[in-house]
Amino acid sequence: FRITTNGAQCISCGNCSTYCEMGIDVRAYAQKGENIVRESCVGCGMCATVCPRGVLNLENGPRKNRVNDDPIQMRNNKITLKL
C-alpha cells in the first residue's frame, strides 16, 4: 500500500498529521505532493479519512509476492479458515 497525495488541493489544516497514529508528519508530504511510502506507515487510512479536501488516497499495490490468504499457509501446513 501507499498513500498518494495531491498537494495542489492541500489547505494545511493538519488533520492528517494530528490523527496519524504512527506520528508521521503527513501534512509535510501532502504539501509537497509526495507519496507516503514509509515503513512506519501501517496503511490504516485514517489520514485520508480525516482530510476535508480528499488530498490523500490509500492505494493498495499489486498482490505479487503476498502470502495467499485463502487458505492460510504456514510452513507446509494448510489451515482453512471457517467464518
Protein backbone atom coordinates (compact mmCIF):
# COMPACT_ATOMS: atom_id res chain seq x y z
CA PHE A 1 0.00 0.00 0.00
CA ARG A 2 0.93 3.63 -0.19
CA ILE A 3 -0.67 6.98 0.50
CA THR A 4 -0.79 9.18 -2.59
CA THR A 5 -1.20 12.93 -2.35
CA ASN A 6 -2.47 15.82 -4.43
CA GLY A 7 -0.55 18.73 -2.93
CA ALA A 8 -2.31 21.38 -5.00
CA GLN A 9 -5.51 20.75 -3.02
CA CYS A 10 -3.90 20.75 0.47
CA ILE A 11 -5.12 23.59 2.73
CA SER A 12 -2.62 22.77 5.52
CA CYS A 13 -5.33 22.09 8.12
CA GLY A 14 -3.12 19.46 9.79
CA ASN A 15 -5.87 16.90 10.40
CA CYS A 16 -3.83 14.21 8.67
CA SER A 17 -0.80 14.66 10.94
CA THR A 18 -2.92 15.09 14.07
CA TYR A 19 -4.78 11.81 13.56
CA CYS A 20 -1.84 9.73 12.28
CA GLU A 21 -1.43 7.04 14.93
CA MET A 22 2.16 6.45 13.84
CA GLY A 23 3.19 10.08 14.32
CA ILE A 24 4.08 10.72 10.68
CA ASP A 25 4.07 14.36 9.57
CA VAL A 26 1.62 13.59 6.78
CA ARG A 27 0.93 17.26 6.13
CA ALA A 28 4.56 17.85 5.08
CA TYR A 29 4.23 15.11 2.44
CA ALA A 30 0.85 16.42 1.29
CA GLN A 31 2.10 19.99 0.91
CA LYS A 32 4.95 18.79 -1.32
CA GLY A 33 2.69 16.44 -3.27
CA GLU A 34 4.90 13.49 -2.28
CA ASN A 35 3.54 9.98 -1.82
CA ILE A 36 3.95 8.45 1.62
CA VAL A 37 5.87 5.23 1.38
CA ARG A 38 7.35 4.66 4.84
CA GLU A 39 7.88 1.53 6.84
CA SER A 40 6.31 3.21 9.86
CA CYS A 41 3.02 3.76 7.96
CA VAL A 42 0.66 0.87 8.69
CA GLY A 43 -1.86 1.80 6.00
CA CYS A 44 -4.81 2.40 8.30
CA GLY A 45 -6.07 5.21 6.04
CA MET A 46 -7.03 7.50 8.92
CA CYS A 47 -5.19 10.43 7.32
CA ALA A 48 -7.19 10.03 4.12
CA THR A 49 -10.43 9.70 6.09
CA VAL A 50 -9.99 12.95 8.03
CA CYS A 51 -8.78 15.03 5.07
CA PRO A 52 -11.54 17.54 4.23
CA ARG A 53 -10.24 18.09 0.69
CA GLY A 54 -9.63 14.49 -0.36
CA VAL A 55 -5.92 15.17 -0.85
CA LEU A 56 -4.83 11.78 0.47
CA ASN A 57 -5.70 8.40 -1.00
CA LEU A 58 -4.85 4.96 0.34
CA GLU A 59 -3.86 2.73 -2.58
CA ASN A 60 -3.13 -0.97 -2.47
CA GLY A 61 -0.23 -2.15 -4.57
CA PRO A 62 -0.01 -5.28 -6.68
CA ARG A 63 -0.68 -8.59 -4.96
CA LYS A 64 2.57 -10.04 -6.33
CA ASN A 65 4.74 -11.66 -3.64
CA ARG A 66 1.98 -11.53 -1.00
CA VAL A 67 1.09 -14.52 1.11
CA ASN A 68 -2.01 -16.23 -0.27
CA ASP A 69 -4.69 -15.62 2.33
CA ASP A 70 -7.19 -18.38 1.46
CA PRO A 71 -6.25 -20.86 2.78
CA ILE A 72 -3.52 -19.55 5.08
CA GLN A 73 -0.27 -21.38 4.53
CA MET A 74 2.10 -21.81 7.42
CA ARG A 75 5.22 -23.74 6.54
CA ASN A 76 3.96 -26.89 4.86
CA ASN A 77 0.65 -26.99 6.73
CA LYS A 78 -2.59 -25.60 5.38
CA ILE A 79 -5.12 -24.12 7.75
CA THR A 80 -8.61 -23.43 6.44
CA LEU A 81 -10.49 -20.54 7.95
CA LYS A 82 -14.17 -21.03 8.74
CA LEU A 83 -16.26 -17.94 9.26
